[in-house]
Amino acid sequence: MRSRHHFHIDHLGHSVSATVQTGHTPVVEVLVDGKSTGYATGKDDRPVTVAIELPTDPPTPASVRATPGPGVPRCLLLMTEDEEPHVMAPRLY
């Protein structure tokens, strides 16, 4: 059965939102400041990573790692390899 889960974080003055649709083929869509910037599909409960850029000057590369399961999905914002991941808070819609 498929269900949708929403996550959000504000980072460096920008809004990053992710929608994770669970199921046999998970789908992850990422929006930065309300604009779609990344999309990926996965397989089963394996983590899905979506590369994005924050619109800073110069643009800041980042990625969102979504783990669709098992259990409740979760999302992390990853800025650099050296920096700790930022937990994206779940949102109800």
PDB file of N, CA and C in Angstrom:
ATOM      1  N   MET A   1       0.833  -1.181   0.000  1.00  0.00           N
ATOM      2  CA  MET A   1       0.000   0.000   0.000  1.00  0.00           C
ATOM      3  C   MET A   1       0.880   1.248   0.000  1.00  0.00           C
ATOM      4  N   ARG A   2       0.537   2.218  -0.820  1.00  0.00           N
ATOM      5  CA  ARG A   2       1.322   3.439  -0.928  1.00  0.00           C
ATOM      6  C   ARG A   2       0.773   4.507   0.004  1.00  0.00           C
ATOM      7  N   SER A   3       1.668   5.271   0.602  1.00  0.00           N
ATOM      8  CA  SER A   3       1.262   6.444   1.387  1.00  0.00           C
ATOM      9  C   SER A   3       2.302   7.537   1.190  1.00  0.00           C
ATOM     10  N   ARG A   4       1.890   8.780   1.428  1.00  0.00           N
ATOM     11  CA  ARG A   4       2.777   9.938   1.226  1.00  0.00           C
ATOM     12  C   ARG A   4       3.157  10.528   2.579  1.00  0.00           C
ATOM     13  N   HIS A   5       4.431  10.890   2.700  1.00  0.00           N
ATOM     14  CA  HIS A   5       4.961  11.497   3.917  1.00  0.00           C
ATOM     15  C   HIS A   5       5.709  12.764   3.505  1.00  0.00           C
ATOM     16  N   HIS A   6       5.554  13.820   4.287  1.00  0.00           N
ATOM     17  CA  HIS A   6       6.151  15.114   3.964  1.00  0.00           C
ATOM     18  C   HIS A   6       7.146  15.512   5.054  1.00  0.00           C
ATOM     19  N   PHE A   7       8.264  16.125   4.628  1.00  0.00           N
ATOM     20  CA  PHE A   7       9.327  16.556   5.537  1.00  0.00           C
ATOM     21  C   PHE A   7       9.771  17.961   5.142  1.00  0.00           C
ATOM     22  N   HIS A   8      10.312  18.714   6.126  1.00  0.00           N
ATOM     23  CA  HIS A   8      10.704  20.099   5.857  1.00  0.00           C
ATOM     24  C   HIS A   8      11.845  20.516   6.780  1.00  0.00           C
ATOM     25  N   ILE A   9      12.686  21.419   6.255  1.00  0.00           N
ATOM     26  CA  ILE A   9      13.716  22.072   7.060  1.00  0.00           C
ATOM     27  C   ILE A   9      14.021  23.428   6.422  1.00  0.00           C
ATOM     28  N   ASP A  10      14.349  24.412   7.249  1.00  0.00           N
ATOM     29  CA  ASP A  10      14.860  25.699   6.776  1.00  0.00           C
ATOM     30  C   ASP A  10      16.361  25.687   7.017  1.00  0.00           C
ATOM     31  N   HIS A  11      17.145  25.927   5.965  1.00  0.00           N
ATOM     32  CA  HIS A  11      18.605  25.878   6.092  1.00  0.00           C
ATOM     33  C   HIS A  11      19.228  26.965   5.222  1.00  0.00           C
ATOM     34  N   LEU A  12      20.132  27.741   5.805  1.00  0.00           N
ATOM     35  CA  LEU A  12      20.823  28.835   5.114  1.00  0.00           C
ATOM     36  C   LEU A  12      19.828  29.801   4.468  1.00  0.00           C
ATOM     37  N   GLY A  13      18.682  30.011   5.127  1.00  0.00           N
ATOM     38  CA  GLY A  13      17.680  30.939   4.620  1.00  0.00           C
ATOM     39  C   GLY A  13      16.823  30.389   3.497  1.00  0.00           C
ATOM     40  N   HIS A  14      16.876  29.085   3.275  1.00  0.00           N
ATOM     41  CA  HIS A  14      16.095  28.469   2.203  1.00  0.00           C
ATOM     42  C   HIS A  14      15.228  27.355   2.760  1.00  0.00           C
ATOM     43  N   SER A  15      14.083  27.183   2.144  1.00  0.00           N
ATOM     44  CA  SER A  15      13.119  26.168   2.530  1.00  0.00           C
ATOM     45  C   SER A  15      13.359  24.907   1.699  1.00  0.00           C
ATOM     46  N   VAL A  16      13.566  23.770   2.383  1.00  0.00           N
ATOM     47  CA  VAL A  16      13.765  22.492   1.693  1.00  0.00           C
ATOM     48  C   VAL A  16      12.666  21.546   2.156  1.00  0.00           C
ATOM     49  N   SER A  17      11.866  21.062   1.216  1.00  0.00           N
ATOM     50  CA  SER A  17      10.765  20.142   1.515  1.00  0.00           C
ATOM     51  C   SER A  17      10.932  18.875   0.688  1.00  0.00           C
ATOM     52  N   ALA A  18      10.521  17.761   1.277  1.00  0.00           N
ATOM     53  CA  ALA A  18      10.584  16.480   0.576  1.00  0.00           C
ATOM     54  C   ALA A  18       9.276  15.736   0.772  1.00  0.00           C
ATOM     55  N   THR A  19       8.826  15.092  -0.286  1.00  0.00           N
ATOM     56  CA  THR A  19       7.673  14.202  -0.227  1.00  0.00           C
ATOM     57  C   THR A  19       8.164  12.801  -0.551  1.00  0.00           C
ATOM     58  N   VAL A  20       7.870  11.867   0.345  1.00  0.00           N
ATOM     59  CA  VAL A  20       8.275  10.473   0.155  1.00  0.00           C
ATOM     60  C   VAL A  20       7.009   9.650  -0.008  1.00  0.00           C
ATOM     61  N   GLN A  21       6.893   9.004  -1.154  1.00  0.00           N
ATOM     62  CA  GLN A  21       5.768   8.113  -1.404  1.00  0.00           C
ATOM     63  C   GLN A  21       6.288   6.690  -1.244  1.00  0.00           C
ATOM     64  N   THR A  22       5.773   5.987  -0.243  1.00  0.00           N
ATOM     65  CA  THR A  22       6.261   4.646   0.057  1.00  0.00           C
ATOM     66  C   THR A  22       5.554   3.607  -0.806  1.00  0.00           C
ATOM     67  N   GLY A  23       6.043   2.397  -0.765  1.00  0.00           N
ATOM     68  CA  GLY A  23       5.471   1.297  -1.534  1.00  0.00           C
ATOM     69  C   GLY A  23       6.590   0.459  -2.110  1.00  0.00           C
ATOM     70  N   HIS A  24       6.251  -0.439  -3.042  1.00  0.00           N
ATOM     71  CA  HIS A  24       7.263  -1.310  -3.644  1.00  0.00           C
ATOM     72  C   HIS A  24       8.339  -0.490  -4.371  1.00  0.00           C
ATOM     73  N   THR A  25       7.922   0.609  -5.009  1.00  0.00           N
ATOM     74  CA  THR A  25       8.862   1.519  -5.667  1.00  0.00           C
ATOM     75  C   THR A  25       8.702   2.903  -5.045  1.00  0.00           C
ATOM     76  N   PRO A  26       9.505   3.227  -4.002  1.00  0.00           N
ATOM     77  CA  PRO A  26       9.387   4.542  -3.365  1.00  0.00           C
ATOM     78  C   PRO A  26       9.749   5.666  -4.331  1.00  0.00           C
ATOM     79  N   VAL A  27       9.064   6.805  -4.168  1.00  0.00           N
ATOM     80  CA  VAL A  27       9.315   7.984  -4.987  1.00  0.00           C
ATOM     81  C   VAL A  27       9.617   9.147  -4.040  1.00  0.00           C
ATOM     82  N   VAL A  28      10.687   9.888  -4.330  1.00  0.00           N
ATOM     83  CA  VAL A  28      11.076  11.038  -3.517  1.00  0.00           C
ATOM     84  C   VAL A  28      11.130  12.264  -4.415  1.00  0.00           C
ATOM     85  N   GLU A  29      10.419  13.329  -4.010  1.00  0.00           N
ATOM     86  CA  GLU A  29      10.464  14.605  -4.724  1.00  0.00           C
ATOM     87  C   GLU A  29      10.918  15.676  -3.741  1.00  0.00           C
ATOM     88  N   VAL A  30      11.872  16.513  -4.169  1.00  0.00           N
ATOM     89  CA  VAL A  30      12.420  17.555  -3.306  1.00  0.00           C
ATOM     90  C   VAL A  30      12.138  18.923  -3.913  1.00  0.00           C
ATOM     91  N   LEU A  31      11.678  19.855  -3.066  1.00  0.00           N
ATOM     92  CA  LEU A  31      11.445  21.241  -3.466  1.00  0.00           C
ATOM     93  C   LEU A  31      12.361  22.151  -2.655  1.00  0.00           C
ATOM     94  N   VAL A  32      12.964  23.123  -3.314  1.00  0.00           N
ATOM     95  CA  VAL A  32      13.766  24.154  -2.650  1.00  0.00           C
ATOM     96  C   VAL A  32      13.081  25.484  -2.931  1.00  0.00           C
ATOM     97  N   ASP A  33      12.696  26.174  -1.888  1.00  0.00           N
ATOM     98  CA  ASP A  33      11.966  27.439  -1.997  1.00  0.00           C
ATOM     99  C   ASP A  33      10.726  27.283  -2.881  1.00  0.00           C
ATOM    100  N   GLY A  34      10.050  26.137  -2.755  1.00  0.00           N
ATOM    101  CA  GLY A  34       8.803  25.900  -3.478  1.00  0.00           C
ATOM    102  C   GLY A  34       8.955  25.444  -4.914  1.00  0.00           C
ATOM    103  N   LYS A  35      10.190  25.280  -5.386  1.00  0.00           N
ATOM    104  CA  LYS A  35      10.409  24.846  -6.770  1.00  0.00           C
ATOM    105  C   LYS A  35      10.966  23.431  -6.784  1.00  0.00           C
ATOM    106  N   SER A  36      10.419  22.594  -7.647  1.00  0.00           N
ATOM    107  CA  SER A  36      10.879  21.216  -7.747  1.00  0.00           C
ATOM    108  C   SER A  36      12.321  21.190  -8.250  1.00  0.00           C
ATOM    109  N   THR A  37      13.216  20.577  -7.475  1.00  0.00           N
ATOM    110  CA  THR A  37      14.629  20.564  -7.843  1.00  0.00           C
ATOM    111  C   THR A  37      15.215  19.167  -7.936  1.00  0.00           C
ATOM    112  N   GLY A  38      14.458  18.164  -7.497  1.00  0.00           N
ATOM    113  CA  GLY A  38      14.991  16.812  -7.554  1.00  0.00           C
ATOM    114  C   GLY A  38      13.906  15.773  -7.437  1.00  0.00           C
ATOM    115  N   TYR A  39      14.165  14.622  -8.062  1.00  0.00           N
ATOM    116  CA  TYR A  39      13.193  13.534  -8.091  1.00  0.00           C
ATOM    117  C   TYR A  39      13.964  12.238  -8.260  1.00  0.00           C
ATOM    118  N   ALA A  40      13.592  11.220  -7.497  1.00  0.00           N
ATOM    119  CA  ALA A  40      14.253   9.920  -7.649  1.00  0.00           C
ATOM    120  C   ALA A  40      13.312   8.815  -7.204  1.00  0.00           C
ATOM    121  N   THR A  41      13.547   7.634  -7.734  1.00  0.00           N
ATOM    122  CA  THR A  41      12.803   6.455  -7.309  1.00  0.00           C
ATOM    123  C   THR A  41      13.787   5.459  -6.711  1.00  0.00           C
ATOM    124  N   GLY A  42      13.265   4.581  -5.881  1.00  0.00           N
ATOM    125  CA  GLY A  42      14.113   3.584  -5.251  1.00  0.00           C
ATOM    126  C   GLY A  42      13.510   2.207  -5.387  1.00  0.00           C
ATOM    127  N   LYS A  43      14.002   1.300  -4.571  1.00  0.00           N
ATOM    128  CA  LYS A  43      13.493  -0.066  -4.583  1.00  0.00           C
ATOM    129  C   LYS A  43      13.312  -0.519  -3.141  1.00  0.00           C
ATOM    130  N   ASP A  44      12.107  -0.966  -2.832  1.00  0.00           N
ATOM    131  CA  ASP A  44      11.755  -1.479  -1.510  1.00  0.00           C
ATOM    132  C   ASP A  44      12.051  -0.431  -0.426  1.00  0.00           C
ATOM    133  N   ASP A  45      12.754  -0.832   0.640  1.00  0.00           N
ATOM    134  CA  ASP A  45      13.014   0.076   1.763  1.00  0.00           C
ATOM    135  C   ASP A  45      14.425   0.658   1.741  1.00  0.00           C
ATOM    136  N   ARG A  46      15.112   0.559   0.617  1.00  0.00           N
ATOM    137  CA  ARG A  46      16.482   1.088   0.543  1.00  0.00           C
ATOM    138  C   ARG A  46      16.476   2.608   0.523  1.00  0.00           C
ATOM    139  N   PRO A  47      17.485   3.244   1.148  1.00  0.00           N
ATOM    140  CA  PRO A  47      17.560   4.714   1.124  1.00  0.00           C
ATOM    141  C   PRO A  47      17.671   5.255  -0.304  1.00  0.00           C
ATOM    142  N   VAL A  48      17.077   6.418  -0.524  1.00  0.00           N
ATOM    143  CA  VAL A  48      17.095   7.096  -1.818  1.00  0.00           C
ATOM    144  C   VAL A  48      17.752   8.461  -1.605  1.00  0.00           C
ATOM    145  N   THR A  49      18.775   8.787  -2.390  1.00  0.00           N
ATOM    146  CA  THR A  49      19.457  10.072  -2.262  1.00  0.00           C
ATOM    147  C   THR A  49      19.160  10.919  -3.496  1.00  0.00           C
ATOM    148  N   VAL A  50      18.763  12.175  -3.243  1.00  0.00           N
ATOM    149  CA  VAL A  50      18.440  13.112  -4.315  1.00  0.00           C
ATOM    150  C   VAL A  50      19.407  14.295  -4.217  1.00  0.00           C
ATOM    151  N   ALA A  51      20.189  14.534  -5.263  1.00  0.00           N
ATOM    152  CA  ALA A  51      21.128  15.669  -5.294  1.00  0.00           C
ATOM    153  C   ALA A  51      20.348  16.947  -5.600  1.00  0.00           C
ATOM    154  N   ILE A  52      20.652  18.022  -4.841  1.00  0.00           N
ATOM    155  CA  ILE A  52      20.006  19.325  -5.037  1.00  0.00           C
ATOM    156  C   ILE A  52      21.059  20.414  -4.914  1.00  0.00           C
ATOM    157  N   GLU A  53      20.651  21.658  -5.187  1.00  0.00           N
ATOM    158  CA  GLU A  53      21.491  22.835  -4.951  1.00  0.00           C
ATOM    159  C   GLU A  53      20.650  23.879  -4.241  1.00  0.00           C
ATOM    160  N   LEU A  54      21.240  24.528  -3.235  1.00  0.00           N
ATOM    161  CA  LEU A  54      20.591  25.673  -2.608  1.00  0.00           C
ATOM    162  C   LEU A  54      20.971  26.909  -3.402  1.00  0.00           C
ATOM    163  N   PRO A  55      20.007  27.788  -3.702  1.00  0.00           N
ATOM    164  CA  PRO A  55      20.284  28.944  -4.559  1.00  0.00           C
ATOM    165  C   PRO A  55      21.007  30.071  -3.826  1.00  0.00           C
ATOM    166  N   THR A  56      22.220  29.787  -3.376  1.00  0.00           N
ATOM    167  CA  THR A  56      23.057  30.815  -2.755  1.00  0.00           C
ATOM    168  C   THR A  56      24.008  31.344  -3.820  1.00  0.00           C
ATOM    169  N   ASP A  57      24.876  32.261  -3.468  1.00  0.00           N
ATOM    170  CA  ASP A  57      25.834  32.794  -4.432  1.00  0.00           C
ATOM    171  C   ASP A  57      27.241  32.494  -3.932  1.00  0.00           C
ATOM    172  N   PRO A  58      27.953  31.529  -4.447  1.00  0.00           N
ATOM    173  CA  PRO A  58      27.605  30.579  -5.508  1.00  0.00           C
ATOM    174  C   PRO A  58      26.655  29.500  -4.987  1.00  0.00           C
ATOM    175  N   PRO A  59      26.007  28.741  -5.884  1.00  0.00           N
ATOM    176  CA  PRO A  59      25.079  27.688  -5.453  1.00  0.00           C
ATOM    177  C   PRO A  59      25.770  26.671  -4.533  1.00  0.00           C
ATOM    178  N   THR A  60      25.040  26.221  -3.524  1.00  0.00           N
ATOM    179  CA  THR A  60      25.561  25.279  -2.544  1.00  0.00           C
ATOM    180  C   THR A  60      25.022  23.877  -2.838  1.00  0.00           C
ATOM    181  N   PRO A  61      25.897  22.924  -3.186  1.00  0.00           N
ATOM    182  CA  PRO A  61      25.420  21.560  -3.432  1.00  0.00           C
ATOM    183  C   PRO A  61      25.009  20.896  -2.124  1.00  0.00           C
ATOM    184  N   ALA A  62      23.991  20.081  -2.194  1.00  0.00           N
ATOM    185  CA  ALA A  62      23.498  19.335  -1.044  1.00  0.00           C
ATOM    186  C   ALA A  62      22.769  18.116  -1.561  1.00  0.00           C
ATOM    187  N   SER A  63      22.301  17.291  -0.651  1.00  0.00           N
ATOM    188  CA  SER A  63      21.471  16.162  -1.041  1.00  0.00           C
ATOM    189  C   SER A  63      20.498  15.845   0.080  1.00  0.00           C
ATOM    190  N   VAL A  64      19.407  15.213  -0.300  1.00  0.00           N
ATOM    191  CA  VAL A  64      18.411  14.755   0.653  1.00  0.00           C
ATOM    192  C   VAL A  64      18.411  13.235   0.588  1.00  0.00           C
ATOM    193  N   ARG A  65      18.587  12.602   1.756  1.00  0.00           N
ATOM    194  CA  ARG A  65      18.542  11.139   1.814  1.00  0.00           C
ATOM    195  C   ARG A  65      17.250  10.729   2.512  1.00  0.00           C
ATOM    196  N   ALA A  66      16.393  10.030   1.779  1.00  0.00           N
ATOM    197  CA  ALA A  66      15.122   9.555   2.322  1.00  0.00           C
ATOM    198  C   ALA A  66      15.210   8.051   2.549  1.00  0.00           C
ATOM    199  N   THR A  67      14.770   7.636   3.718  1.00  0.00           N
ATOM    200  CA  THR A  67      14.689   6.217   4.031  1.00  0.00           C
ATOM    201  C   THR A  67      13.215   5.865   4.159  1.00  0.00           C
ATOM    202  N   PRO A  68      12.635   5.199   3.145  1.00  0.00           N
ATOM    203  CA  PRO A  68      11.199   4.949   3.138  1.00  0.00           C
ATOM    204  C   PRO A  68      10.733   3.944   4.186  1.00  0.00           C
ATOM    205  N   GLY A  69      11.591   3.133   4.709  1.00  0.00           N
ATOM    206  CA  GLY A  69      11.187   2.142   5.708  1.00  0.00           C
ATOM    207  C   GLY A  69      12.392   1.331   6.124  1.00  0.00           C
ATOM    208  N   PRO A  70      12.216   0.300   6.899  1.00  0.00           N
ATOM    209  CA  PRO A  70      10.951  -0.174   7.446  1.00  0.00           C
ATOM    210  C   PRO A  70      10.435   0.775   8.526  1.00  0.00           C
ATOM    211  N   GLY A  71       9.167   0.715   8.761  1.00  0.00           N
ATOM    212  CA  GLY A  71       8.547   1.599   9.744  1.00  0.00           C
ATOM    213  C   GLY A  71       8.250   2.956   9.151  1.00  0.00           C
ATOM    214  N   VAL A  72       8.384   3.989   9.972  1.00  0.00           N
ATOM    215  CA  VAL A  72       8.065   5.349   9.555  1.00  0.00           C
ATOM    216  C   VAL A  72       9.209   5.906   8.707  1.00  0.00           C
ATOM    217  N   PRO A  73       8.923   6.489   7.530  1.00  0.00           N
ATOM    218  CA  PRO A  73       9.973   7.092   6.704  1.00  0.00           C
ATOM    219  C   PRO A  73      10.670   8.251   7.429  1.00  0.00           C
ATOM    220  N   ARG A  74      11.885   8.544   7.015  1.00  0.00           N
ATOM    221  CA  ARG A  74      12.643   9.666   7.582  1.00  0.00           C
ATOM    222  C   ARG A  74      13.506  10.281   6.487  1.00  0.00           C
ATOM    223  N   CYS A  75      13.865  11.575   6.686  1.00  0.00           N
ATOM    224  CA  CYS A  75      14.671  12.310   5.703  1.00  0.00           C
ATOM    225  C   CYS A  75      15.778  13.071   6.404  1.00  0.00           C
ATOM    226  N   LEU A  76      16.927  13.147   5.730  1.00  0.00           N
ATOM    227  CA  LEU A  76      18.072  13.920   6.208  1.00  0.00           C
ATOM    228  C   LEU A  76      18.534  14.857   5.106  1.00  0.00           C
ATOM    229  N   LEU A  77      18.929  16.080   5.487  1.00  0.00           N
ATOM    230  CA  LEU A  77      19.578  17.016   4.572  1.00  0.00           C
ATOM    231  C   LEU A  77      21.067  16.877   4.785  1.00  0.00           C
ATOM    232  N   LEU A  78      21.801  16.540   3.725  1.00  0.00           N
ATOM    233  CA  LEU A  78      23.251  16.352   3.790  1.00  0.00           C
ATOM    234  C   LEU A  78      23.920  17.476   3.021  1.00  0.00           C
ATOM    235  N   MET A  79      24.725  18.272   3.721  1.00  0.00           N
ATOM    236  CA  MET A  79      25.383  19.411   3.073  1.00  0.00           C
ATOM    237  C   MET A  79      26.768  19.028   2.546  1.00  0.00           C
ATOM    238  N   THR A  80      27.634  18.532   3.409  1.00  0.00           N
ATOM    239  CA  THR A  80      28.974  18.093   2.997  1.00  0.00           C
ATOM    240  C   THR A  80      29.289  16.787   3.707  1.00  0.00           C
ATOM    241  N   GLU A  81      30.344  16.126   3.270  1.00  0.00           N
ATOM    242  CA  GLU A  81      30.730  14.864   3.911  1.00  0.00           C
ATOM    243  C   GLU A  81      31.186  15.089   5.348  1.00  0.00           C
ATOM    244  N   ASP A  82      31.771  16.259   5.645  1.00  0.00           N
ATOM    245  CA  ASP A  82      32.308  16.528   6.977  1.00  0.00           C
ATOM    246  C   ASP A  82      31.234  16.988   7.962  1.00  0.00           C
ATOM    247  N   GLU A  83      30.154  17.537   7.468  1.00  0.00           N
ATOM    248  CA  GLU A  83      29.117  18.127   8.313  1.00  0.00           C
ATOM    249  C   GLU A  83      28.103  17.067   8.735  1.00  0.00           C
ATOM    250  N   GLU A  84      27.608  17.218   9.960  1.00  0.00           N
ATOM    251  CA  GLU A  84      26.573  16.313  10.449  1.00  0.00           C
ATOM    252  C   GLU A  84      25.308  16.473   9.619  1.00  0.00           C
ATOM    253  N   PRO A  85      24.572  15.381   9.369  1.00  0.00           N
ATOM    254  CA  PRO A  85      23.304  15.501   8.636  1.00  0.00           C
ATOM    255  C   PRO A  85      22.268  16.247   9.471  1.00  0.00           C
ATOM    256  N   HIS A  86      21.370  16.949   8.796  1.00  0.00           N
ATOM    257  CA  HIS A  86      20.297  17.697   9.449  1.00  0.00           C
ATOM    258  C   HIS A  86      19.005  16.911   9.294  1.00  0.00           C
ATOM    259  N   VAL A  87      18.342  16.629  10.415  1.00  0.00           N
ATOM    260  CA  VAL A  87      17.101  15.862  10.379  1.00  0.00           C
ATOM    261  C   VAL A  87      15.985  16.780   9.868  1.00  0.00           C
ATOM    262  N   MET A  88      15.249  16.296   8.880  1.00  0.00           N
ATOM    263  CA  MET A  88      14.116  17.049   8.340  1.00  0.00           C
ATOM    264  C   MET A  88      12.875  16.628   9.123  1.00  0.00           C
ATOM    265  N   ALA A  89      12.169  17.617   9.659  1.00  0.00           N
ATOM    266  CA  ALA A  89      11.001  17.349  10.488  1.00  0.00           C
ATOM    267  C   ALA A  89       9.814  16.883   9.645  1.00  0.00           C
ATOM    268  N   PRO A  90       9.080  15.886  10.137  1.00  0.00           N
ATOM    269  CA  PRO A  90       7.859  15.474   9.417  1.00  0.00           C
ATOM    270  C   PRO A  90       6.805  16.558   9.494  1.00  0.00           C
ATOM    271  N   ARG A  91       6.004  16.675   8.434  1.00  0.00           N
ATOM    272  CA  ARG A  91       4.906  17.654   8.387  1.00  0.00           C
ATOM    273  C   ARG A  91       3.621  16.923   8.046  1.00  0.00           C
ATOM    274  N   LEU A  92       2.546  17.361   8.654  1.00  0.00           N
ATOM    275  CA  LEU A  92       1.231  16.808   8.351  1.00  0.00           C
ATOM    276  C   LEU A  92       0.551  17.659   7.302  1.00  0.00           C
ATOM    277  N   TYR A  93      -0.088  17.035   6.347  1.00  0.00           N
ATOM    278  CA  TYR A  93      -0.846  17.756   5.321  1.00  0.00           C
ATOM    279  C   TYR A  93      -2.254  17.256   5.311  1.00  0.00           C
TER     280      TYR A  93
END
